[in-house]
N, C-alpha and C. Protein backbone atom coordinates (compact mmCIF):
# COMPACT_ATOMS: atom_id res chain seq x y z
N UNK A 1 53.10 -11.21 -19.99
CA UNK A 1 52.06 -11.91 -19.28
C UNK A 1 51.42 -11.00 -18.22
N UNK A 2 52.26 -10.21 -17.52
CA UNK A 2 51.74 -9.31 -16.50
C UNK A 2 50.79 -8.29 -17.11
N UNK A 3 51.13 -7.83 -18.30
CA UNK A 3 50.32 -6.82 -18.97
C UNK A 3 48.92 -7.36 -19.27
N UNK A 4 48.86 -8.64 -19.73
CA UNK A 4 47.57 -9.25 -20.05
C UNK A 4 46.73 -9.43 -18.78
N UNK A 5 47.34 -9.86 -17.68
CA UNK A 5 46.57 -10.07 -16.45
C UNK A 5 46.08 -8.74 -15.88
N UNK A 6 46.86 -7.67 -15.98
CA UNK A 6 46.42 -6.36 -15.54
C UNK A 6 45.26 -5.87 -16.40
N UNK A 7 45.37 -6.09 -17.69
CA UNK A 7 44.32 -5.68 -18.60
C UNK A 7 43.03 -6.45 -18.31
N UNK A 8 43.15 -7.75 -18.05
CA UNK A 8 41.99 -8.57 -17.72
C UNK A 8 41.38 -8.12 -16.40
N UNK A 9 42.23 -7.81 -15.42
CA UNK A 9 41.75 -7.35 -14.12
C UNK A 9 41.04 -6.01 -14.27
N UNK A 10 41.60 -5.12 -15.08
CA UNK A 10 40.99 -3.81 -15.33
C UNK A 10 39.62 -3.99 -15.99
N UNK A 11 39.52 -4.88 -16.95
CA UNK A 11 38.25 -5.14 -17.63
C UNK A 11 37.23 -5.70 -16.64
N UNK A 12 37.69 -6.59 -15.78
CA UNK A 12 36.81 -7.18 -14.78
C UNK A 12 36.29 -6.11 -13.82
N UNK A 13 37.17 -5.22 -13.34
CA UNK A 13 36.78 -4.13 -12.45
C UNK A 13 35.78 -3.21 -13.14
N UNK A 14 36.03 -2.90 -14.40
CA UNK A 14 35.12 -2.02 -15.14
C UNK A 14 33.73 -2.65 -15.26
N UNK A 15 33.72 -3.96 -15.52
CA UNK A 15 32.43 -4.67 -15.63
C UNK A 15 31.69 -4.66 -14.30
N UNK A 16 32.41 -4.85 -13.19
CA UNK A 16 31.78 -4.83 -11.87
C UNK A 16 31.19 -3.45 -11.56
N UNK A 17 31.93 -2.41 -11.88
CA UNK A 17 31.45 -1.04 -11.64
C UNK A 17 30.21 -0.78 -12.47
N UNK A 18 30.22 -1.19 -13.72
CA UNK A 18 29.06 -0.99 -14.60
C UNK A 18 27.85 -1.76 -14.07
N UNK A 19 28.07 -2.99 -13.62
CA UNK A 19 26.97 -3.80 -13.09
C UNK A 19 26.42 -3.19 -11.81
N UNK A 20 27.30 -2.73 -10.94
CA UNK A 20 26.86 -2.11 -9.68
C UNK A 20 26.07 -0.85 -9.97
N UNK A 21 26.52 -0.04 -10.92
CA UNK A 21 25.81 1.18 -11.28
C UNK A 21 24.42 0.84 -11.81
N UNK A 22 24.36 -0.19 -12.61
CA UNK A 22 23.08 -0.60 -13.17
C UNK A 22 22.13 -1.06 -12.06
N UNK A 23 22.64 -1.82 -11.10
CA UNK A 23 21.80 -2.30 -10.00
C UNK A 23 21.33 -1.13 -9.14
N UNK A 24 22.19 -0.17 -8.88
CA UNK A 24 21.81 0.98 -8.07
C UNK A 24 20.73 1.77 -8.80
N UNK A 25 20.89 1.97 -10.10
CA UNK A 25 19.90 2.71 -10.86
C UNK A 25 18.57 1.96 -10.87
N UNK A 26 18.59 0.66 -11.05
CA UNK A 26 17.36 -0.12 -11.05
C UNK A 26 16.72 -0.08 -9.68
N UNK A 27 17.52 -0.23 -8.63
CA UNK A 27 16.99 -0.17 -7.27
C UNK A 27 16.38 1.18 -6.97
N UNK A 28 17.01 2.24 -7.42
CA UNK A 28 16.48 3.57 -7.19
C UNK A 28 15.18 3.76 -7.94
N UNK A 29 15.14 3.29 -9.17
CA UNK A 29 13.94 3.43 -9.99
C UNK A 29 12.76 2.70 -9.36
N UNK A 30 13.01 1.52 -8.82
CA UNK A 30 11.92 0.70 -8.30
C UNK A 30 11.74 0.86 -6.79
N UNK A 31 12.32 1.91 -6.19
CA UNK A 31 12.28 2.05 -4.73
C UNK A 31 10.87 2.28 -4.20
N UNK A 32 10.03 3.02 -4.94
CA UNK A 32 8.66 3.24 -4.49
C UNK A 32 7.68 3.01 -5.64
N UNK A 33 6.52 2.52 -5.29
CA UNK A 33 5.46 2.30 -6.26
C UNK A 33 4.18 2.86 -5.66
N UNK A 34 3.55 3.78 -6.36
CA UNK A 34 2.30 4.35 -5.90
C UNK A 34 1.13 3.60 -6.52
N UNK A 35 0.03 3.50 -5.77
CA UNK A 35 -1.14 2.81 -6.26
C UNK A 35 -2.34 3.10 -5.38
N UNK A 36 -3.38 2.28 -5.53
CA UNK A 36 -4.58 2.41 -4.72
C UNK A 36 -5.01 1.02 -4.23
N UNK A 37 -5.70 1.03 -3.11
CA UNK A 37 -6.24 -0.21 -2.56
C UNK A 37 -7.56 0.09 -1.86
N UNK A 38 -8.39 -0.90 -1.75
CA UNK A 38 -9.66 -0.76 -1.02
C UNK A 38 -9.40 -1.14 0.44
N UNK A 39 -9.82 -0.29 1.35
CA UNK A 39 -9.67 -0.58 2.78
C UNK A 39 -11.04 -0.55 3.44
N UNK A 40 -11.17 -1.33 4.49
CA UNK A 40 -12.42 -1.37 5.24
C UNK A 40 -12.31 -0.37 6.38
N UNK A 41 -13.34 0.44 6.52
CA UNK A 41 -13.43 1.43 7.58
C UNK A 41 -14.68 1.09 8.38
N UNK A 42 -14.55 1.07 9.67
CA UNK A 42 -15.73 0.76 10.47
C UNK A 42 -15.61 1.27 11.88
N UNK A 43 -16.74 1.31 12.55
CA UNK A 43 -16.78 1.74 13.93
C UNK A 43 -18.17 2.19 14.31
N UNK A 44 -18.24 2.93 15.40
CA UNK A 44 -19.53 3.45 15.86
C UNK A 44 -19.79 4.78 15.19
N UNK A 45 -21.01 4.91 14.69
CA UNK A 45 -21.40 6.12 13.98
C UNK A 45 -21.31 7.34 14.89
N UNK A 46 -20.63 8.35 14.41
CA UNK A 46 -20.56 9.61 15.14
C UNK A 46 -21.53 10.61 14.53
N UNK A 47 -21.49 10.73 13.17
CA UNK A 47 -22.39 11.67 12.52
C UNK A 47 -22.60 11.27 11.06
N UNK A 48 -23.69 11.83 10.50
CA UNK A 48 -24.03 11.61 9.10
C UNK A 48 -24.36 12.96 8.49
N UNK A 49 -23.77 13.25 7.35
CA UNK A 49 -24.15 14.43 6.58
C UNK A 49 -24.93 13.91 5.38
N UNK A 50 -26.26 13.99 5.49
CA UNK A 50 -27.14 13.42 4.47
C UNK A 50 -26.94 14.10 3.13
N UNK A 51 -26.69 15.40 3.11
CA UNK A 51 -26.56 16.12 1.84
C UNK A 51 -25.33 15.69 1.04
N UNK A 52 -24.24 15.34 1.72
CA UNK A 52 -23.02 14.91 1.01
C UNK A 52 -22.80 13.40 1.07
N UNK A 53 -23.67 12.72 1.81
CA UNK A 53 -23.56 11.26 2.01
C UNK A 53 -22.25 10.88 2.71
N UNK A 54 -21.78 11.76 3.59
CA UNK A 54 -20.55 11.47 4.33
C UNK A 54 -20.89 10.95 5.72
N UNK A 55 -20.24 9.84 6.09
CA UNK A 55 -20.45 9.20 7.38
C UNK A 55 -19.15 9.30 8.16
N UNK A 56 -19.24 9.71 9.41
CA UNK A 56 -18.06 9.78 10.28
C UNK A 56 -18.23 8.76 11.39
N UNK A 57 -17.19 7.94 11.61
CA UNK A 57 -17.24 6.90 12.63
C UNK A 57 -16.08 7.07 13.60
N UNK A 58 -16.25 6.48 14.77
CA UNK A 58 -15.17 6.38 15.75
C UNK A 58 -14.68 4.94 15.64
N UNK A 59 -13.42 4.78 15.24
CA UNK A 59 -12.89 3.42 15.01
C UNK A 59 -12.47 2.77 16.33
N UNK A 60 -12.01 1.54 16.23
CA UNK A 60 -11.63 0.75 17.42
C UNK A 60 -10.49 1.38 18.21
N UNK A 61 -9.66 2.20 17.56
CA UNK A 61 -8.56 2.85 18.25
C UNK A 61 -8.98 4.18 18.87
N UNK A 62 -10.25 4.56 18.69
CA UNK A 62 -10.75 5.82 19.26
C UNK A 62 -10.60 7.00 18.33
N UNK A 63 -10.04 6.80 17.14
CA UNK A 63 -9.89 7.87 16.17
C UNK A 63 -11.14 8.01 15.32
N UNK A 64 -11.27 9.14 14.66
CA UNK A 64 -12.42 9.33 13.77
C UNK A 64 -11.97 9.17 12.32
N UNK A 65 -12.84 8.55 11.55
CA UNK A 65 -12.61 8.37 10.13
C UNK A 65 -13.90 8.69 9.40
N UNK A 66 -13.79 9.22 8.22
CA UNK A 66 -14.97 9.55 7.43
C UNK A 66 -14.88 8.87 6.08
N UNK A 67 -16.04 8.50 5.57
CA UNK A 67 -16.11 7.98 4.22
C UNK A 67 -17.43 8.41 3.61
N UNK A 68 -17.44 8.50 2.32
CA UNK A 68 -18.63 8.91 1.60
C UNK A 68 -19.32 7.66 1.08
N UNK A 69 -20.61 7.57 1.35
CA UNK A 69 -21.37 6.41 0.88
C UNK A 69 -22.12 6.78 -0.38
N UNK A 70 -22.42 5.77 -1.16
CA UNK A 70 -23.13 5.99 -2.42
C UNK A 70 -24.58 6.37 -2.19
N UNK A 71 -25.20 6.90 -3.22
CA UNK A 71 -26.60 7.30 -3.13
C UNK A 71 -27.53 6.09 -3.03
N UNK A 72 -26.99 4.89 -3.26
CA UNK A 72 -27.78 3.67 -3.16
C UNK A 72 -27.95 3.17 -1.72
N UNK A 73 -27.30 3.83 -0.76
CA UNK A 73 -27.43 3.43 0.65
C UNK A 73 -28.71 4.08 1.19
N UNK A 74 -29.70 3.24 1.56
CA UNK A 74 -30.99 3.78 1.99
C UNK A 74 -30.99 4.25 3.45
N UNK A 75 -31.89 5.14 3.75
CA UNK A 75 -32.20 5.57 5.12
C UNK A 75 -31.02 6.13 5.91
N UNK A 76 -30.17 6.86 5.25
CA UNK A 76 -29.03 7.48 5.96
C UNK A 76 -29.53 8.38 7.09
N UNK A 77 -30.61 9.06 6.85
CA UNK A 77 -31.14 10.00 7.84
C UNK A 77 -31.68 9.29 9.09
N UNK A 78 -31.88 8.00 9.01
CA UNK A 78 -32.42 7.25 10.14
C UNK A 78 -31.34 6.61 11.02
N UNK A 79 -30.08 6.67 10.59
CA UNK A 79 -29.00 6.09 11.39
C UNK A 79 -28.78 6.92 12.66
N UNK A 80 -28.65 6.23 13.76
CA UNK A 80 -28.47 6.90 15.05
C UNK A 80 -27.01 6.81 15.49
N UNK A 81 -26.51 7.86 16.16
CA UNK A 81 -25.15 7.79 16.69
C UNK A 81 -24.98 6.56 17.57
N UNK A 82 -23.82 5.91 17.46
CA UNK A 82 -23.54 4.71 18.22
C UNK A 82 -23.79 3.43 17.43
N UNK A 83 -24.51 3.53 16.30
CA UNK A 83 -24.76 2.37 15.46
C UNK A 83 -23.45 1.90 14.86
N UNK A 84 -23.22 0.60 14.84
CA UNK A 84 -22.02 0.07 14.19
C UNK A 84 -22.19 0.10 12.68
N UNK A 85 -21.26 0.74 12.00
CA UNK A 85 -21.30 0.82 10.54
C UNK A 85 -19.93 0.47 9.98
N UNK A 86 -19.92 0.08 8.74
CA UNK A 86 -18.64 -0.14 8.06
C UNK A 86 -18.79 0.23 6.61
N UNK A 87 -17.66 0.46 5.99
CA UNK A 87 -17.65 0.80 4.57
C UNK A 87 -16.29 0.50 3.99
N UNK A 88 -16.20 0.63 2.69
CA UNK A 88 -14.91 0.49 2.02
C UNK A 88 -14.62 1.78 1.30
N UNK A 89 -13.36 2.11 1.25
CA UNK A 89 -12.93 3.32 0.56
C UNK A 89 -11.63 3.04 -0.18
N UNK A 90 -11.45 3.71 -1.29
CA UNK A 90 -10.19 3.61 -2.01
C UNK A 90 -9.19 4.53 -1.33
N UNK A 91 -8.03 4.01 -1.07
CA UNK A 91 -6.98 4.83 -0.45
C UNK A 91 -5.72 4.75 -1.30
N UNK A 92 -5.07 5.88 -1.36
CA UNK A 92 -3.76 5.90 -2.02
C UNK A 92 -2.79 5.14 -1.14
N UNK A 93 -1.88 4.43 -1.77
CA UNK A 93 -0.90 3.64 -1.04
C UNK A 93 0.46 3.81 -1.72
N UNK A 94 1.49 3.84 -0.93
CA UNK A 94 2.86 3.89 -1.46
C UNK A 94 3.60 2.68 -0.94
N UNK A 95 4.14 1.90 -1.88
CA UNK A 95 4.95 0.72 -1.53
C UNK A 95 6.41 1.11 -1.63
N UNK A 96 7.17 0.89 -0.59
CA UNK A 96 8.60 1.13 -0.61
C UNK A 96 9.29 -0.22 -0.58
N UNK A 97 10.04 -0.50 -1.63
CA UNK A 97 10.73 -1.78 -1.74
C UNK A 97 11.85 -1.82 -0.71
N UNK A 98 11.87 -2.87 0.11
CA UNK A 98 12.91 -3.03 1.13
C UNK A 98 13.96 -3.98 0.60
N UNK A 99 15.20 -3.60 0.70
CA UNK A 99 16.26 -4.51 0.26
C UNK A 99 16.54 -5.52 1.38
N UNK A 100 17.27 -6.54 1.05
CA UNK A 100 17.52 -7.63 2.01
C UNK A 100 18.33 -7.17 3.22
N UNK A 101 19.04 -6.04 3.10
CA UNK A 101 19.82 -5.57 4.23
C UNK A 101 18.96 -4.79 5.23
N UNK A 102 17.71 -4.48 4.86
CA UNK A 102 16.80 -3.80 5.77
C UNK A 102 16.12 -4.87 6.61
N UNK A 103 16.72 -5.19 7.74
CA UNK A 103 16.22 -6.28 8.56
C UNK A 103 14.95 -5.92 9.31
N UNK A 104 14.94 -4.76 9.90
CA UNK A 104 13.84 -4.46 10.80
C UNK A 104 13.04 -3.24 10.43
N UNK A 105 12.39 -3.25 9.28
CA UNK A 105 11.48 -2.16 8.97
C UNK A 105 10.34 -2.24 9.97
N UNK A 106 10.04 -1.12 10.60
CA UNK A 106 9.06 -1.12 11.68
C UNK A 106 7.76 -0.49 11.19
N UNK A 107 6.66 -1.25 11.26
CA UNK A 107 5.37 -0.67 10.87
C UNK A 107 4.90 0.32 11.91
N UNK A 108 3.99 1.21 11.53
CA UNK A 108 3.47 2.20 12.48
C UNK A 108 2.44 1.54 13.38
N UNK A 109 2.27 2.08 14.58
CA UNK A 109 1.33 1.51 15.54
C UNK A 109 -0.11 1.78 15.16
N UNK A 110 -0.36 2.84 14.39
CA UNK A 110 -1.74 3.16 14.02
C UNK A 110 -2.24 2.36 12.81
N UNK A 111 -1.38 1.51 12.27
CA UNK A 111 -1.80 0.67 11.16
C UNK A 111 -1.69 1.30 9.79
N UNK A 112 -1.19 2.55 9.73
CA UNK A 112 -1.07 3.21 8.42
C UNK A 112 0.14 2.69 7.64
N UNK A 113 1.05 2.02 8.31
CA UNK A 113 2.20 1.40 7.64
C UNK A 113 2.34 -0.03 8.14
N UNK A 114 2.50 -0.95 7.17
CA UNK A 114 2.74 -2.36 7.51
C UNK A 114 3.82 -2.89 6.59
N UNK A 115 4.50 -3.94 7.05
CA UNK A 115 5.48 -4.62 6.23
C UNK A 115 4.79 -5.84 5.63
N UNK A 116 4.99 -6.02 4.32
CA UNK A 116 4.35 -7.15 3.63
C UNK A 116 5.32 -7.75 2.63
N UNK A 117 4.95 -8.92 2.15
CA UNK A 117 5.73 -9.61 1.14
C UNK A 117 4.88 -9.69 -0.13
N UNK A 118 5.50 -9.47 -1.26
CA UNK A 118 4.79 -9.55 -2.52
C UNK A 118 4.52 -11.02 -2.82
N UNK A 119 3.25 -11.38 -2.93
CA UNK A 119 2.88 -12.76 -3.22
C UNK A 119 2.72 -12.98 -4.73
N UNK A 120 2.23 -11.94 -5.43
CA UNK A 120 1.96 -12.10 -6.86
C UNK A 120 1.92 -10.73 -7.53
N UNK A 121 2.40 -10.68 -8.78
CA UNK A 121 2.29 -9.48 -9.60
C UNK A 121 1.66 -9.91 -10.92
N UNK A 122 0.54 -9.30 -11.25
CA UNK A 122 -0.17 -9.62 -12.48
C UNK A 122 -0.50 -8.31 -13.18
N UNK A 123 0.35 -7.92 -14.13
CA UNK A 123 0.19 -6.61 -14.75
C UNK A 123 0.45 -5.54 -13.72
N UNK A 124 -0.50 -4.65 -13.54
CA UNK A 124 -0.36 -3.61 -12.53
C UNK A 124 -0.96 -3.99 -11.19
N UNK A 125 -1.54 -5.18 -11.10
CA UNK A 125 -2.17 -5.63 -9.86
C UNK A 125 -1.16 -6.42 -9.03
N UNK A 126 -0.97 -6.00 -7.79
CA UNK A 126 -0.01 -6.66 -6.90
C UNK A 126 -0.77 -7.21 -5.69
N UNK A 127 -0.50 -8.47 -5.37
CA UNK A 127 -1.09 -9.09 -4.19
C UNK A 127 0.00 -9.20 -3.14
N UNK A 128 -0.28 -8.65 -1.95
CA UNK A 128 0.69 -8.62 -0.86
C UNK A 128 0.14 -9.41 0.32
N UNK A 129 1.03 -9.94 1.12
CA UNK A 129 0.63 -10.66 2.33
C UNK A 129 1.47 -10.08 3.48
N UNK A 130 0.79 -9.62 4.54
CA UNK A 130 1.53 -9.05 5.66
C UNK A 130 2.00 -10.15 6.62
N UNK A 131 2.69 -9.76 7.67
CA UNK A 131 3.29 -10.73 8.59
C UNK A 131 2.23 -11.51 9.38
N UNK A 132 0.99 -11.00 9.42
CA UNK A 132 -0.10 -11.68 10.11
C UNK A 132 -0.90 -12.58 9.16
N UNK A 133 -0.52 -12.57 7.86
CA UNK A 133 -1.21 -13.40 6.87
C UNK A 133 -2.34 -12.70 6.14
N UNK A 134 -2.61 -11.43 6.48
CA UNK A 134 -3.67 -10.69 5.80
C UNK A 134 -3.23 -10.37 4.37
N UNK A 135 -4.18 -10.42 3.44
CA UNK A 135 -3.89 -10.19 2.03
C UNK A 135 -4.39 -8.80 1.64
N UNK A 136 -3.58 -8.09 0.89
CA UNK A 136 -3.90 -6.75 0.41
C UNK A 136 -3.64 -6.72 -1.09
N UNK A 137 -4.59 -6.20 -1.83
CA UNK A 137 -4.43 -6.08 -3.28
C UNK A 137 -4.23 -4.61 -3.62
N UNK A 138 -3.17 -4.31 -4.36
CA UNK A 138 -2.84 -2.94 -4.74
C UNK A 138 -2.84 -2.83 -6.26
N UNK A 139 -3.55 -1.82 -6.77
CA UNK A 139 -3.49 -1.52 -8.20
C UNK A 139 -2.42 -0.45 -8.37
N UNK A 140 -1.29 -0.83 -8.97
CA UNK A 140 -0.18 0.11 -9.15
C UNK A 140 -0.56 1.16 -10.18
N UNK A 141 -0.15 2.39 -9.94
CA UNK A 141 -0.38 3.45 -10.92
C UNK A 141 0.45 3.21 -12.18
N UNK A 142 1.59 2.55 -12.02
CA UNK A 142 2.48 2.25 -13.14
C UNK A 142 2.71 0.74 -13.23
N UNK A 143 2.06 0.08 -14.21
CA UNK A 143 2.31 -1.36 -14.38
C UNK A 143 3.79 -1.67 -14.64
N UNK A 144 4.52 -0.74 -15.28
CA UNK A 144 5.96 -0.96 -15.53
C UNK A 144 6.73 -1.03 -14.22
N UNK A 145 6.40 -0.16 -13.28
CA UNK A 145 7.07 -0.17 -11.98
C UNK A 145 6.73 -1.46 -11.23
N UNK A 146 5.47 -1.89 -11.30
CA UNK A 146 5.06 -3.12 -10.62
C UNK A 146 5.79 -4.33 -11.21
N UNK A 147 6.03 -4.30 -12.51
CA UNK A 147 6.70 -5.42 -13.18
C UNK A 147 8.14 -5.60 -12.73
N UNK A 148 8.73 -4.58 -12.11
CA UNK A 148 10.12 -4.69 -11.65
C UNK A 148 10.22 -5.45 -10.33
N UNK A 149 9.09 -5.71 -9.68
CA UNK A 149 9.08 -6.36 -8.38
C UNK A 149 8.76 -7.84 -8.55
N UNK A 150 9.54 -8.68 -7.91
CA UNK A 150 9.32 -10.12 -8.01
C UNK A 150 8.67 -10.65 -6.73
N UNK A 151 7.90 -11.73 -6.84
CA UNK A 151 7.31 -12.32 -5.64
C UNK A 151 8.40 -12.65 -4.61
N UNK A 152 8.05 -12.42 -3.34
CA UNK A 152 9.00 -12.64 -2.25
C UNK A 152 9.66 -11.34 -1.79
N UNK A 153 9.57 -10.29 -2.60
CA UNK A 153 10.15 -9.00 -2.23
C UNK A 153 9.37 -8.42 -1.06
N UNK A 154 10.08 -7.91 -0.07
CA UNK A 154 9.43 -7.25 1.07
C UNK A 154 9.22 -5.78 0.75
N UNK A 155 8.06 -5.25 1.16
CA UNK A 155 7.74 -3.85 0.94
C UNK A 155 7.15 -3.24 2.21
N UNK A 156 7.37 -1.96 2.38
CA UNK A 156 6.71 -1.20 3.44
C UNK A 156 5.49 -0.57 2.78
N UNK A 157 4.31 -0.88 3.28
CA UNK A 157 3.05 -0.39 2.72
C UNK A 157 2.63 0.81 3.55
N UNK A 158 2.49 1.95 2.90
CA UNK A 158 2.13 3.19 3.58
C UNK A 158 0.78 3.67 3.04
N UNK A 159 -0.28 3.57 3.86
CA UNK A 159 -1.59 4.07 3.47
C UNK A 159 -1.60 5.58 3.61
N UNK A 160 -2.00 6.24 2.54
CA UNK A 160 -2.03 7.69 2.51
C UNK A 160 -3.44 8.13 2.91
N UNK A 161 -3.67 9.42 3.02
CA UNK A 161 -4.97 9.94 3.45
C UNK A 161 -6.12 9.35 2.64
N UNK A 162 -7.27 9.19 3.26
CA UNK A 162 -8.41 8.57 2.59
C UNK A 162 -8.93 9.42 1.43
N UNK A 163 -9.40 8.71 0.41
CA UNK A 163 -10.07 9.35 -0.72
C UNK A 163 -11.54 9.54 -0.35
N UNK A 164 -12.23 10.47 -0.99
CA UNK A 164 -13.59 10.75 -0.58
C UNK A 164 -14.63 9.73 -1.05
N UNK A 165 -14.28 8.79 -1.91
CA UNK A 165 -15.28 7.88 -2.45
C UNK A 165 -15.25 6.55 -1.73
N UNK A 166 -16.40 5.99 -1.47
CA UNK A 166 -16.48 4.70 -0.83
C UNK A 166 -17.92 4.24 -0.78
N UNK A 167 -18.13 3.12 -0.15
CA UNK A 167 -19.49 2.63 0.03
C UNK A 167 -19.59 2.05 1.43
N UNK A 168 -20.77 2.02 1.97
CA UNK A 168 -20.90 1.48 3.33
C UNK A 168 -22.32 1.09 3.63
N UNK A 169 -22.50 0.45 4.81
CA UNK A 169 -23.83 0.08 5.25
C UNK A 169 -23.82 -0.08 6.77
N UNK A 170 -25.01 -0.08 7.33
CA UNK A 170 -25.15 -0.25 8.77
C UNK A 170 -25.15 -1.73 9.09
N UNK A 171 -24.50 -2.09 10.18
CA UNK A 171 -24.53 -3.47 10.66
C UNK A 171 -25.76 -3.66 11.52
N UNK A 172 -26.38 -4.80 11.43
CA UNK A 172 -27.57 -5.08 12.26
C UNK A 172 -27.15 -5.79 13.52
């Protein structure tokens, strides 16, 4: 009888080790997801490069940001410094899946990192909601990686350097 219970215990331990290894491998695989999202950039106009259609603004935090506007934006040469402008640009984003033991992931003060909860996953499109209720839509580079994340999962959203393409207009 002792032999059977030891054998059963050994089998149980082996199954637990295999399951734990599988979870660790899955967690490691799904730890980060790269994608893109549209972000709004705005502030007071600092400069315009008409030849490249690049607009540089001073944002609310006092930093400078640049985005390229499409050729369909009229009268770029007539914009004066200090004019309020805004635009959208595609930015690379990296989502880091936070496990439940990560209680206090801290977002950055400059807004380049925020903590959000996955609200929905539809193919490679992920809808996130941050702690303030703002919604962010991310197109994952890998739909398979996005499919491993379930709604309710917390992620650290890290906005990477801006891409050169975007669109914008002057506010009246």
